[in-house]
Amino acid sequence: GVAVYVDVSGSMHSTLPKVLSVIS
């Protein structure tokens, strides 16, 4: 399989909602 790693560090805080919607 392919492992998907999402950066959840502090610098990603403002963009996480967009990333999470794409993953969803």
PDBML (XML) file of the C-alpha atoms, coordinates in Angstrom:
<?xml version="1.0" encoding="UTF-8" ?>
<PDBx:datablock datablockName="MODEL"
   xmlns:PDBx="http://pdbml.pdb.org/schema/pdbx-v50.xsd"
   xmlns:xsi="http://www.w3.org/2001/XMLSchema-instance"
   xsi:schemaLocation="http://pdbml.pdb.org/schema/pdbx-v50.xsd pdbx-v50.xsd">
   <PDBx:atom_siteCategory>
      <PDBx:atom_site id="1">
         <PDBx:B_iso_or_equiv>0.00</PDBx:B_iso_or_equiv>
         <PDBx:Cartn_x>0.000</PDBx:Cartn_x>
         <PDBx:Cartn_y>0.000</PDBx:Cartn_y>
         <PDBx:Cartn_z>0.000</PDBx:Cartn_z>
         <PDBx:auth_asym_id>A</PDBx:auth_asym_id>
         <PDBx:auth_atom_id>CA</PDBx:auth_atom_id>
         <PDBx:auth_comp_id>GLY</PDBx:auth_comp_id>
         <PDBx:auth_seq_id>1</PDBx:auth_seq_id>
         <PDBx:group_PDB>ATOM</PDBx:group_PDB>
         <PDBx:label_alt_id xsi:nil="true" />
         <PDBx:label_asym_id>A</PDBx:label_asym_id>
         <PDBx:label_atom_id>CA</PDBx:label_atom_id>
         <PDBx:label_comp_id>GLY</PDBx:label_comp_id>
         <PDBx:label_entity_id>1</PDBx:label_entity_id>
         <PDBx:label_seq_id>1</PDBx:label_seq_id>
         <PDBx:occupancy>1.00</PDBx:occupancy>
         <PDBx:pdbx_PDB_model_num>1</PDBx:pdbx_PDB_model_num>
         <PDBx:type_symbol>C</PDBx:type_symbol>
      </PDBx:atom_site>
      <PDBx:atom_site id="2">
         <PDBx:B_iso_or_equiv>0.00</PDBx:B_iso_or_equiv>
         <PDBx:Cartn_x>0.824</PDBx:Cartn_x>
         <PDBx:Cartn_y>3.664</PDBx:Cartn_y>
         <PDBx:Cartn_z>-0.059</PDBx:Cartn_z>
         <PDBx:auth_asym_id>A</PDBx:auth_asym_id>
         <PDBx:auth_atom_id>CA</PDBx:auth_atom_id>
         <PDBx:auth_comp_id>VAL</PDBx:auth_comp_id>
         <PDBx:auth_seq_id>2</PDBx:auth_seq_id>
         <PDBx:group_PDB>ATOM</PDBx:group_PDB>
         <PDBx:label_alt_id xsi:nil="true" />
         <PDBx:label_asym_id>A</PDBx:label_asym_id>
         <PDBx:label_atom_id>CA</PDBx:label_atom_id>
         <PDBx:label_comp_id>VAL</PDBx:label_comp_id>
         <PDBx:label_entity_id>1</PDBx:label_entity_id>
         <PDBx:label_seq_id>2</PDBx:label_seq_id>
         <PDBx:occupancy>1.00</PDBx:occupancy>
         <PDBx:pdbx_PDB_model_num>1</PDBx:pdbx_PDB_model_num>
         <PDBx:type_symbol>C</PDBx:type_symbol>
      </PDBx:atom_site>
      <PDBx:atom_site id="3">
         <PDBx:B_iso_or_equiv>0.00</PDBx:B_iso_or_equiv>
         <PDBx:Cartn_x>1.361</PDBx:Cartn_x>
         <PDBx:Cartn_y>5.412</PDBx:Cartn_y>
         <PDBx:Cartn_z>3.255</PDBx:Cartn_z>
         <PDBx:auth_asym_id>A</PDBx:auth_asym_id>
         <PDBx:auth_atom_id>CA</PDBx:auth_atom_id>
         <PDBx:auth_comp_id>ALA</PDBx:auth_comp_id>
         <PDBx:auth_seq_id>3</PDBx:auth_seq_id>
         <PDBx:group_PDB>ATOM</PDBx:group_PDB>
         <PDBx:label_alt_id xsi:nil="true" />
         <PDBx:label_asym_id>A</PDBx:label_asym_id>
         <PDBx:label_atom_id>CA</PDBx:label_atom_id>
         <PDBx:label_comp_id>ALA</PDBx:label_comp_id>
         <PDBx:label_entity_id>1</PDBx:label_entity_id>
         <PDBx:label_seq_id>3</PDBx:label_seq_id>
         <PDBx:occupancy>1.00</PDBx:occupancy>
         <PDBx:pdbx_PDB_model_num>1</PDBx:pdbx_PDB_model_num>
         <PDBx:type_symbol>C</PDBx:type_symbol>
      </PDBx:atom_site>
      <PDBx:atom_site id="4">
         <PDBx:B_iso_or_equiv>0.00</PDBx:B_iso_or_equiv>
         <PDBx:Cartn_x>-0.028</PDBx:Cartn_x>
         <PDBx:Cartn_y>8.951</PDBx:Cartn_y>
         <PDBx:Cartn_z>3.423</PDBx:Cartn_z>
         <PDBx:auth_asym_id>A</PDBx:auth_asym_id>
         <PDBx:auth_atom_id>CA</PDBx:auth_atom_id>
         <PDBx:auth_comp_id>VAL</PDBx:auth_comp_id>
         <PDBx:auth_seq_id>4</PDBx:auth_seq_id>
         <PDBx:group_PDB>ATOM</PDBx:group_PDB>
         <PDBx:label_alt_id xsi:nil="true" />
         <PDBx:label_asym_id>A</PDBx:label_asym_id>
         <PDBx:label_atom_id>CA</PDBx:label_atom_id>
         <PDBx:label_comp_id>VAL</PDBx:label_comp_id>
         <PDBx:label_entity_id>1</PDBx:label_entity_id>
         <PDBx:label_seq_id>4</PDBx:label_seq_id>
         <PDBx:occupancy>1.00</PDBx:occupancy>
         <PDBx:pdbx_PDB_model_num>1</PDBx:pdbx_PDB_model_num>
         <PDBx:type_symbol>C</PDBx:type_symbol>
      </PDBx:atom_site>
      <PDBx:atom_site id="5">
         <PDBx:B_iso_or_equiv>0.00</PDBx:B_iso_or_equiv>
         <PDBx:Cartn_x>1.716</PDBx:Cartn_x>
         <PDBx:Cartn_y>11.282</PDBx:Cartn_y>
         <PDBx:Cartn_z>5.883</PDBx:Cartn_z>
         <PDBx:auth_asym_id>A</PDBx:auth_asym_id>
         <PDBx:auth_atom_id>CA</PDBx:auth_atom_id>
         <PDBx:auth_comp_id>TYR</PDBx:auth_comp_id>
         <PDBx:auth_seq_id>5</PDBx:auth_seq_id>
         <PDBx:group_PDB>ATOM</PDBx:group_PDB>
         <PDBx:label_alt_id xsi:nil="true" />
         <PDBx:label_asym_id>A</PDBx:label_asym_id>
         <PDBx:label_atom_id>CA</PDBx:label_atom_id>
         <PDBx:label_comp_id>TYR</PDBx:label_comp_id>
         <PDBx:label_entity_id>1</PDBx:label_entity_id>
         <PDBx:label_seq_id>5</PDBx:label_seq_id>
         <PDBx:occupancy>1.00</PDBx:occupancy>
         <PDBx:pdbx_PDB_model_num>1</PDBx:pdbx_PDB_model_num>
         <PDBx:type_symbol>C</PDBx:type_symbol>
      </PDBx:atom_site>
      <PDBx:atom_site id="6">
         <PDBx:B_iso_or_equiv>0.00</PDBx:B_iso_or_equiv>
         <PDBx:Cartn_x>0.130</PDBx:Cartn_x>
         <PDBx:Cartn_y>14.635</PDBx:Cartn_y>
         <PDBx:Cartn_z>6.744</PDBx:Cartn_z>
         <PDBx:auth_asym_id>A</PDBx:auth_asym_id>
         <PDBx:auth_atom_id>CA</PDBx:auth_atom_id>
         <PDBx:auth_comp_id>VAL</PDBx:auth_comp_id>
         <PDBx:auth_seq_id>6</PDBx:auth_seq_id>
         <PDBx:group_PDB>ATOM</PDBx:group_PDB>
         <PDBx:label_alt_id xsi:nil="true" />
         <PDBx:label_asym_id>A</PDBx:label_asym_id>
         <PDBx:label_atom_id>CA</PDBx:label_atom_id>
         <PDBx:label_comp_id>VAL</PDBx:label_comp_id>
         <PDBx:label_entity_id>1</PDBx:label_entity_id>
         <PDBx:label_seq_id>6</PDBx:label_seq_id>
         <PDBx:occupancy>1.00</PDBx:occupancy>
         <PDBx:pdbx_PDB_model_num>1</PDBx:pdbx_PDB_model_num>
         <PDBx:type_symbol>C</PDBx:type_symbol>
      </PDBx:atom_site>
      <PDBx:atom_site id="7">
         <PDBx:B_iso_or_equiv>0.00</PDBx:B_iso_or_equiv>
         <PDBx:Cartn_x>2.176</PDBx:Cartn_x>
         <PDBx:Cartn_y>17.378</PDBx:Cartn_y>
         <PDBx:Cartn_z>8.387</PDBx:Cartn_z>
         <PDBx:auth_asym_id>A</PDBx:auth_asym_id>
         <PDBx:auth_atom_id>CA</PDBx:auth_atom_id>
         <PDBx:auth_comp_id>ASP</PDBx:auth_comp_id>
         <PDBx:auth_seq_id>7</PDBx:auth_seq_id>
         <PDBx:group_PDB>ATOM</PDBx:group_PDB>
         <PDBx:label_alt_id xsi:nil="true" />
         <PDBx:label_asym_id>A</PDBx:label_asym_id>
         <PDBx:label_atom_id>CA</PDBx:label_atom_id>
         <PDBx:label_comp_id>ASP</PDBx:label_comp_id>
         <PDBx:label_entity_id>1</PDBx:label_entity_id>
         <PDBx:label_seq_id>7</PDBx:label_seq_id>
         <PDBx:occupancy>1.00</PDBx:occupancy>
         <PDBx:pdbx_PDB_model_num>1</PDBx:pdbx_PDB_model_num>
         <PDBx:type_symbol>C</PDBx:type_symbol>
      </PDBx:atom_site>
      <PDBx:atom_site id="8">
         <PDBx:B_iso_or_equiv>0.00</PDBx:B_iso_or_equiv>
         <PDBx:Cartn_x>0.277</PDBx:Cartn_x>
         <PDBx:Cartn_y>18.607</PDBx:Cartn_y>
         <PDBx:Cartn_z>11.463</PDBx:Cartn_z>
         <PDBx:auth_asym_id>A</PDBx:auth_asym_id>
         <PDBx:auth_atom_id>CA</PDBx:auth_atom_id>
         <PDBx:auth_comp_id>VAL</PDBx:auth_comp_id>
         <PDBx:auth_seq_id>8</PDBx:auth_seq_id>
         <PDBx:group_PDB>ATOM</PDBx:group_PDB>
         <PDBx:label_alt_id xsi:nil="true" />
         <PDBx:label_asym_id>A</PDBx:label_asym_id>
         <PDBx:label_atom_id>CA</PDBx:label_atom_id>
         <PDBx:label_comp_id>VAL</PDBx:label_comp_id>
         <PDBx:label_entity_id>1</PDBx:label_entity_id>
         <PDBx:label_seq_id>8</PDBx:label_seq_id>
         <PDBx:occupancy>1.00</PDBx:occupancy>
         <PDBx:pdbx_PDB_model_num>1</PDBx:pdbx_PDB_model_num>
         <PDBx:type_symbol>C</PDBx:type_symbol>
      </PDBx:atom_site>
      <PDBx:atom_site id="9">
         <PDBx:B_iso_or_equiv>0.00</PDBx:B_iso_or_equiv>
         <PDBx:Cartn_x>3.018</PDBx:Cartn_x>
         <PDBx:Cartn_y>20.882</PDBx:Cartn_y>
         <PDBx:Cartn_z>12.809</PDBx:Cartn_z>
         <PDBx:auth_asym_id>A</PDBx:auth_asym_id>
         <PDBx:auth_atom_id>CA</PDBx:auth_atom_id>
         <PDBx:auth_comp_id>SER</PDBx:auth_comp_id>
         <PDBx:auth_seq_id>9</PDBx:auth_seq_id>
         <PDBx:group_PDB>ATOM</PDBx:group_PDB>
         <PDBx:label_alt_id xsi:nil="true" />
         <PDBx:label_asym_id>A</PDBx:label_asym_id>
         <PDBx:label_atom_id>CA</PDBx:label_atom_id>
         <PDBx:label_comp_id>SER</PDBx:label_comp_id>
         <PDBx:label_entity_id>1</PDBx:label_entity_id>
         <PDBx:label_seq_id>9</PDBx:label_seq_id>
         <PDBx:occupancy>1.00</PDBx:occupancy>
         <PDBx:pdbx_PDB_model_num>1</PDBx:pdbx_PDB_model_num>
         <PDBx:type_symbol>C</PDBx:type_symbol>
      </PDBx:atom_site>
      <PDBx:atom_site id="10">
         <PDBx:B_iso_or_equiv>0.00</PDBx:B_iso_or_equiv>
         <PDBx:Cartn_x>2.449</PDBx:Cartn_x>
         <PDBx:Cartn_y>24.452</PDBx:Cartn_y>
         <PDBx:Cartn_z>13.909</PDBx:Cartn_z>
         <PDBx:auth_asym_id>A</PDBx:auth_asym_id>
         <PDBx:auth_atom_id>CA</PDBx:auth_atom_id>
         <PDBx:auth_comp_id>GLY</PDBx:auth_comp_id>
         <PDBx:auth_seq_id>10</PDBx:auth_seq_id>
         <PDBx:group_PDB>ATOM</PDBx:group_PDB>
         <PDBx:label_alt_id xsi:nil="true" />
         <PDBx:label_asym_id>A</PDBx:label_asym_id>
         <PDBx:label_atom_id>CA</PDBx:label_atom_id>
         <PDBx:label_comp_id>GLY</PDBx:label_comp_id>
         <PDBx:label_entity_id>1</PDBx:label_entity_id>
         <PDBx:label_seq_id>10</PDBx:label_seq_id>
         <PDBx:occupancy>1.00</PDBx:occupancy>
         <PDBx:pdbx_PDB_model_num>1</PDBx:pdbx_PDB_model_num>
         <PDBx:type_symbol>C</PDBx:type_symbol>
      </PDBx:atom_site>
      <PDBx:atom_site id="11">
         <PDBx:B_iso_or_equiv>0.00</PDBx:B_iso_or_equiv>
         <PDBx:Cartn_x>3.337</PDBx:Cartn_x>
         <PDBx:Cartn_y>25.943</PDBx:Cartn_y>
         <PDBx:Cartn_z>10.508</PDBx:Cartn_z>
         <PDBx:auth_asym_id>A</PDBx:auth_asym_id>
         <PDBx:auth_atom_id>CA</PDBx:auth_atom_id>
         <PDBx:auth_comp_id>SER</PDBx:auth_comp_id>
         <PDBx:auth_seq_id>11</PDBx:auth_seq_id>
         <PDBx:group_PDB>ATOM</PDBx:group_PDB>
         <PDBx:label_alt_id xsi:nil="true" />
         <PDBx:label_asym_id>A</PDBx:label_asym_id>
         <PDBx:label_atom_id>CA</PDBx:label_atom_id>
         <PDBx:label_comp_id>SER</PDBx:label_comp_id>
         <PDBx:label_entity_id>1</PDBx:label_entity_id>
         <PDBx:label_seq_id>11</PDBx:label_seq_id>
         <PDBx:occupancy>1.00</PDBx:occupancy>
         <PDBx:pdbx_PDB_model_num>1</PDBx:pdbx_PDB_model_num>
         <PDBx:type_symbol>C</PDBx:type_symbol>
      </PDBx:atom_site>
      <PDBx:atom_site id="12">
         <PDBx:B_iso_or_equiv>0.00</PDBx:B_iso_or_equiv>
         <PDBx:Cartn_x>0.508</PDBx:Cartn_x>
         <PDBx:Cartn_y>23.959</PDBx:Cartn_y>
         <PDBx:Cartn_z>8.907</PDBx:Cartn_z>
         <PDBx:auth_asym_id>A</PDBx:auth_asym_id>
         <PDBx:auth_atom_id>CA</PDBx:auth_atom_id>
         <PDBx:auth_comp_id>MET</PDBx:auth_comp_id>
         <PDBx:auth_seq_id>12</PDBx:auth_seq_id>
         <PDBx:group_PDB>ATOM</PDBx:group_PDB>
         <PDBx:label_alt_id xsi:nil="true" />
         <PDBx:label_asym_id>A</PDBx:label_asym_id>
         <PDBx:label_atom_id>CA</PDBx:label_atom_id>
         <PDBx:label_comp_id>MET</PDBx:label_comp_id>
         <PDBx:label_entity_id>1</PDBx:label_entity_id>
         <PDBx:label_seq_id>12</PDBx:label_seq_id>
         <PDBx:occupancy>1.00</PDBx:occupancy>
         <PDBx:pdbx_PDB_model_num>1</PDBx:pdbx_PDB_model_num>
         <PDBx:type_symbol>C</PDBx:type_symbol>
      </PDBx:atom_site>
      <PDBx:atom_site id="13">
         <PDBx:B_iso_or_equiv>0.00</PDBx:B_iso_or_equiv>
         <PDBx:Cartn_x>-2.173</PDBx:Cartn_x>
         <PDBx:Cartn_y>25.130</PDBx:Cartn_y>
         <PDBx:Cartn_z>11.344</PDBx:Cartn_z>
         <PDBx:auth_asym_id>A</PDBx:auth_asym_id>
         <PDBx:auth_atom_id>CA</PDBx:auth_atom_id>
         <PDBx:auth_comp_id>HIS</PDBx:auth_comp_id>
         <PDBx:auth_seq_id>13</PDBx:auth_seq_id>
         <PDBx:group_PDB>ATOM</PDBx:group_PDB>
         <PDBx:label_alt_id xsi:nil="true" />
         <PDBx:label_asym_id>A</PDBx:label_asym_id>
         <PDBx:label_atom_id>CA</PDBx:label_atom_id>
         <PDBx:label_comp_id>HIS</PDBx:label_comp_id>
         <PDBx:label_entity_id>1</PDBx:label_entity_id>
         <PDBx:label_seq_id>13</PDBx:label_seq_id>
         <PDBx:occupancy>1.00</PDBx:occupancy>
         <PDBx:pdbx_PDB_model_num>1</PDBx:pdbx_PDB_model_num>
         <PDBx:type_symbol>C</PDBx:type_symbol>
      </PDBx:atom_site>
      <PDBx:atom_site id="14">
         <PDBx:B_iso_or_equiv>0.00</PDBx:B_iso_or_equiv>
         <PDBx:Cartn_x>-3.838</PDBx:Cartn_x>
         <PDBx:Cartn_y>27.641</PDBx:Cartn_y>
         <PDBx:Cartn_z>9.005</PDBx:Cartn_z>
         <PDBx:auth_asym_id>A</PDBx:auth_asym_id>
         <PDBx:auth_atom_id>CA</PDBx:auth_atom_id>
         <PDBx:auth_comp_id>SER</PDBx:auth_comp_id>
         <PDBx:auth_seq_id>14</PDBx:auth_seq_id>
         <PDBx:group_PDB>ATOM</PDBx:group_PDB>
         <PDBx:label_alt_id xsi:nil="true" />
         <PDBx:label_asym_id>A</PDBx:label_asym_id>
         <PDBx:label_atom_id>CA</PDBx:label_atom_id>
         <PDBx:label_comp_id>SER</PDBx:label_comp_id>
         <PDBx:label_entity_id>1</PDBx:label_entity_id>
         <PDBx:label_seq_id>14</PDBx:label_seq_id>
         <PDBx:occupancy>1.00</PDBx:occupancy>
         <PDBx:pdbx_PDB_model_num>1</PDBx:pdbx_PDB_model_num>
         <PDBx:type_symbol>C</PDBx:type_symbol>
      </PDBx:atom_site>
      <PDBx:atom_site id="15">
         <PDBx:B_iso_or_equiv>0.00</PDBx:B_iso_or_equiv>
         <PDBx:Cartn_x>-3.893</PDBx:Cartn_x>
         <PDBx:Cartn_y>25.287</PDBx:Cartn_y>
         <PDBx:Cartn_z>5.996</PDBx:Cartn_z>
         <PDBx:auth_asym_id>A</PDBx:auth_asym_id>
         <PDBx:auth_atom_id>CA</PDBx:auth_atom_id>
         <PDBx:auth_comp_id>THR</PDBx:auth_comp_id>
         <PDBx:auth_seq_id>15</PDBx:auth_seq_id>
         <PDBx:group_PDB>ATOM</PDBx:group_PDB>
         <PDBx:label_alt_id xsi:nil="true" />
         <PDBx:label_asym_id>A</PDBx:label_asym_id>
         <PDBx:label_atom_id>CA</PDBx:label_atom_id>
         <PDBx:label_comp_id>THR</PDBx:label_comp_id>
         <PDBx:label_entity_id>1</PDBx:label_entity_id>
         <PDBx:label_seq_id>15</PDBx:label_seq_id>
         <PDBx:occupancy>1.00</PDBx:occupancy>
         <PDBx:pdbx_PDB_model_num>1</PDBx:pdbx_PDB_model_num>
         <PDBx:type_symbol>C</PDBx:type_symbol>
      </PDBx:atom_site>
      <PDBx:atom_site id="16">
         <PDBx:B_iso_or_equiv>0.00</PDBx:B_iso_or_equiv>
         <PDBx:Cartn_x>-4.958</PDBx:Cartn_x>
         <PDBx:Cartn_y>22.075</PDBx:Cartn_y>
         <PDBx:Cartn_z>7.748</PDBx:Cartn_z>
         <PDBx:auth_asym_id>A</PDBx:auth_asym_id>
         <PDBx:auth_atom_id>CA</PDBx:auth_atom_id>
         <PDBx:auth_comp_id>LEU</PDBx:auth_comp_id>
         <PDBx:auth_seq_id>16</PDBx:auth_seq_id>
         <PDBx:group_PDB>ATOM</PDBx:group_PDB>
         <PDBx:label_alt_id xsi:nil="true" />
         <PDBx:label_asym_id>A</PDBx:label_asym_id>
         <PDBx:label_atom_id>CA</PDBx:label_atom_id>
         <PDBx:label_comp_id>LEU</PDBx:label_comp_id>
         <PDBx:label_entity_id>1</PDBx:label_entity_id>
         <PDBx:label_seq_id>16</PDBx:label_seq_id>
         <PDBx:occupancy>1.00</PDBx:occupancy>
         <PDBx:pdbx_PDB_model_num>1</PDBx:pdbx_PDB_model_num>
         <PDBx:type_symbol>C</PDBx:type_symbol>
      </PDBx:atom_site>
      <PDBx:atom_site id="17">
         <PDBx:B_iso_or_equiv>0.00</PDBx:B_iso_or_equiv>
         <PDBx:Cartn_x>-8.697</PDBx:Cartn_x>
         <PDBx:Cartn_y>22.547</PDBx:Cartn_y>
         <PDBx:Cartn_z>7.096</PDBx:Cartn_z>
         <PDBx:auth_asym_id>A</PDBx:auth_asym_id>
         <PDBx:auth_atom_id>CA</PDBx:auth_atom_id>
         <PDBx:auth_comp_id>PRO</PDBx:auth_comp_id>
         <PDBx:auth_seq_id>17</PDBx:auth_seq_id>
         <PDBx:group_PDB>ATOM</PDBx:group_PDB>
         <PDBx:label_alt_id xsi:nil="true" />
         <PDBx:label_asym_id>A</PDBx:label_asym_id>
         <PDBx:label_atom_id>CA</PDBx:label_atom_id>
         <PDBx:label_comp_id>PRO</PDBx:label_comp_id>
         <PDBx:label_entity_id>1</PDBx:label_entity_id>
         <PDBx:label_seq_id>17</PDBx:label_seq_id>
         <PDBx:occupancy>1.00</PDBx:occupancy>
         <PDBx:pdbx_PDB_model_num>1</PDBx:pdbx_PDB_model_num>
         <PDBx:type_symbol>C</PDBx:type_symbol>
      </PDBx:atom_site>
      <PDBx:atom_site id="18">
         <PDBx:B_iso_or_equiv>0.00</PDBx:B_iso_or_equiv>
         <PDBx:Cartn_x>-8.037</PDBx:Cartn_x>
         <PDBx:Cartn_y>22.586</PDBx:Cartn_y>
         <PDBx:Cartn_z>3.337</PDBx:Cartn_z>
         <PDBx:auth_asym_id>A</PDBx:auth_asym_id>
         <PDBx:auth_atom_id>CA</PDBx:auth_atom_id>
         <PDBx:auth_comp_id>LYS</PDBx:auth_comp_id>
         <PDBx:auth_seq_id>18</PDBx:auth_seq_id>
         <PDBx:group_PDB>ATOM</PDBx:group_PDB>
         <PDBx:label_alt_id xsi:nil="true" />
         <PDBx:label_asym_id>A</PDBx:label_asym_id>
         <PDBx:label_atom_id>CA</PDBx:label_atom_id>
         <PDBx:label_comp_id>LYS</PDBx:label_comp_id>
         <PDBx:label_entity_id>1</PDBx:label_entity_id>
         <PDBx:label_seq_id>18</PDBx:label_seq_id>
         <PDBx:occupancy>1.00</PDBx:occupancy>
         <PDBx:pdbx_PDB_model_num>1</PDBx:pdbx_PDB_model_num>
         <PDBx:type_symbol>C</PDBx:type_symbol>
      </PDBx:atom_site>
      <PDBx:atom_site id="19">
         <PDBx:B_iso_or_equiv>0.00</PDBx:B_iso_or_equiv>
         <PDBx:Cartn_x>-5.718</PDBx:Cartn_x>
         <PDBx:Cartn_y>19.566</PDBx:Cartn_y>
         <PDBx:Cartn_z>3.559</PDBx:Cartn_z>
         <PDBx:auth_asym_id>A</PDBx:auth_asym_id>
         <PDBx:auth_atom_id>CA</PDBx:auth_atom_id>
         <PDBx:auth_comp_id>VAL</PDBx:auth_comp_id>
         <PDBx:auth_seq_id>19</PDBx:auth_seq_id>
         <PDBx:group_PDB>ATOM</PDBx:group_PDB>
         <PDBx:label_alt_id xsi:nil="true" />
         <PDBx:label_asym_id>A</PDBx:label_asym_id>
         <PDBx:label_atom_id>CA</PDBx:label_atom_id>
         <PDBx:label_comp_id>VAL</PDBx:label_comp_id>
         <PDBx:label_entity_id>1</PDBx:label_entity_id>
         <PDBx:label_seq_id>19</PDBx:label_seq_id>
         <PDBx:occupancy>1.00</PDBx:occupancy>
         <PDBx:pdbx_PDB_model_num>1</PDBx:pdbx_PDB_model_num>
         <PDBx:type_symbol>C</PDBx:type_symbol>
      </PDBx:atom_site>
      <PDBx:atom_site id="20">
         <PDBx:B_iso_or_equiv>0.00</PDBx:B_iso_or_equiv>
         <PDBx:Cartn_x>-8.196</PDBx:Cartn_x>
         <PDBx:Cartn_y>17.650</PDBx:Cartn_y>
         <PDBx:Cartn_z>5.689</PDBx:Cartn_z>
         <PDBx:auth_asym_id>A</PDBx:auth_asym_id>
         <PDBx:auth_atom_id>CA</PDBx:auth_atom_id>
         <PDBx:auth_comp_id>LEU</PDBx:auth_comp_id>
         <PDBx:auth_seq_id>20</PDBx:auth_seq_id>
         <PDBx:group_PDB>ATOM</PDBx:group_PDB>
         <PDBx:label_alt_id xsi:nil="true" />
         <PDBx:label_asym_id>A</PDBx:label_asym_id>
         <PDBx:label_atom_id>CA</PDBx:label_atom_id>
         <PDBx:label_comp_id>LEU</PDBx:label_comp_id>
         <PDBx:label_entity_id>1</PDBx:label_entity_id>
         <PDBx:label_seq_id>20</PDBx:label_seq_id>
         <PDBx:occupancy>1.00</PDBx:occupancy>
         <PDBx:pdbx_PDB_model_num>1</PDBx:pdbx_PDB_model_num>
         <PDBx:type_symbol>C</PDBx:type_symbol>
      </PDBx:atom_site>
      <PDBx:atom_site id="21">
         <PDBx:B_iso_or_equiv>0.00</PDBx:B_iso_or_equiv>
         <PDBx:Cartn_x>-11.051</PDBx:Cartn_x>
         <PDBx:Cartn_y>18.364</PDBx:Cartn_y>
         <PDBx:Cartn_z>3.282</PDBx:Cartn_z>
         <PDBx:auth_asym_id>A</PDBx:auth_asym_id>
         <PDBx:auth_atom_id>CA</PDBx:auth_atom_id>
         <PDBx:auth_comp_id>SER</PDBx:auth_comp_id>
         <PDBx:auth_seq_id>21</PDBx:auth_seq_id>
         <PDBx:group_PDB>ATOM</PDBx:group_PDB>
         <PDBx:label_alt_id xsi:nil="true" />
         <PDBx:label_asym_id>A</PDBx:label_asym_id>
         <PDBx:label_atom_id>CA</PDBx:label_atom_id>
         <PDBx:label_comp_id>SER</PDBx:label_comp_id>
         <PDBx:label_entity_id>1</PDBx:label_entity_id>
         <PDBx:label_seq_id>21</PDBx:label_seq_id>
         <PDBx:occupancy>1.00</PDBx:occupancy>
         <PDBx:pdbx_PDB_model_num>1</PDBx:pdbx_PDB_model_num>
         <PDBx:type_symbol>C</PDBx:type_symbol>
      </PDBx:atom_site>
      <PDBx:atom_site id="22">
         <PDBx:B_iso_or_equiv>0.00</PDBx:B_iso_or_equiv>
         <PDBx:Cartn_x>-8.984</PDBx:Cartn_x>
         <PDBx:Cartn_y>16.976</PDBx:Cartn_y>
         <PDBx:Cartn_z>0.388</PDBx:Cartn_z>
         <PDBx:auth_asym_id>A</PDBx:auth_asym_id>
         <PDBx:auth_atom_id>CA</PDBx:auth_atom_id>
         <PDBx:auth_comp_id>VAL</PDBx:auth_comp_id>
         <PDBx:auth_seq_id>22</PDBx:auth_seq_id>
         <PDBx:group_PDB>ATOM</PDBx:group_PDB>
         <PDBx:label_alt_id xsi:nil="true" />
         <PDBx:label_asym_id>A</PDBx:label_asym_id>
         <PDBx:label_atom_id>CA</PDBx:label_atom_id>
         <PDBx:label_comp_id>VAL</PDBx:label_comp_id>
         <PDBx:label_entity_id>1</PDBx:label_entity_id>
         <PDBx:label_seq_id>22</PDBx:label_seq_id>
         <PDBx:occupancy>1.00</PDBx:occupancy>
         <PDBx:pdbx_PDB_model_num>1</PDBx:pdbx_PDB_model_num>
         <PDBx:type_symbol>C</PDBx:type_symbol>
      </PDBx:atom_site>
      <PDBx:atom_site id="23">
         <PDBx:B_iso_or_equiv>0.00</PDBx:B_iso_or_equiv>
         <PDBx:Cartn_x>-8.149</PDBx:Cartn_x>
         <PDBx:Cartn_y>13.864</PDBx:Cartn_y>
         <PDBx:Cartn_z>2.404</PDBx:Cartn_z>
         <PDBx:auth_asym_id>A</PDBx:auth_asym_id>
         <PDBx:auth_atom_id>CA</PDBx:auth_atom_id>
         <PDBx:auth_comp_id>ILE</PDBx:auth_comp_id>
         <PDBx:auth_seq_id>23</PDBx:auth_seq_id>
         <PDBx:group_PDB>ATOM</PDBx:group_PDB>
         <PDBx:label_alt_id xsi:nil="true" />
         <PDBx:label_asym_id>A</PDBx:label_asym_id>
         <PDBx:label_atom_id>CA</PDBx:label_atom_id>
         <PDBx:label_comp_id>ILE</PDBx:label_comp_id>
         <PDBx:label_entity_id>1</PDBx:label_entity_id>
         <PDBx:label_seq_id>23</PDBx:label_seq_id>
         <PDBx:occupancy>1.00</PDBx:occupancy>
         <PDBx:pdbx_PDB_model_num>1</PDBx:pdbx_PDB_model_num>
         <PDBx:type_symbol>C</PDBx:type_symbol>
      </PDBx:atom_site>
      <PDBx:atom_site id="24">
         <PDBx:B_iso_or_equiv>0.00</PDBx:B_iso_or_equiv>
         <PDBx:Cartn_x>-11.793</PDBx:Cartn_x>
         <PDBx:Cartn_y>13.470</PDBx:Cartn_y>
         <PDBx:Cartn_z>3.339</PDBx:Cartn_z>
         <PDBx:auth_asym_id>A</PDBx:auth_asym_id>
         <PDBx:auth_atom_id>CA</PDBx:auth_atom_id>
         <PDBx:auth_comp_id>SER</PDBx:auth_comp_id>
         <PDBx:auth_seq_id>24</PDBx:auth_seq_id>
         <PDBx:group_PDB>ATOM</PDBx:group_PDB>
         <PDBx:label_alt_id xsi:nil="true" />
         <PDBx:label_asym_id>A</PDBx:label_asym_id>
         <PDBx:label_atom_id>CA</PDBx:label_atom_id>
         <PDBx:label_comp_id>SER</PDBx:label_comp_id>
         <PDBx:label_entity_id>1</PDBx:label_entity_id>
         <PDBx:label_seq_id>24</PDBx:label_seq_id>
         <PDBx:occupancy>1.00</PDBx:occupancy>
         <PDBx:pdbx_PDB_model_num>1</PDBx:pdbx_PDB_model_num>
         <PDBx:type_symbol>C</PDBx:type_symbol>
      </PDBx:atom_site>
   </PDBx:atom_siteCategory>
</PDBx:datablock>
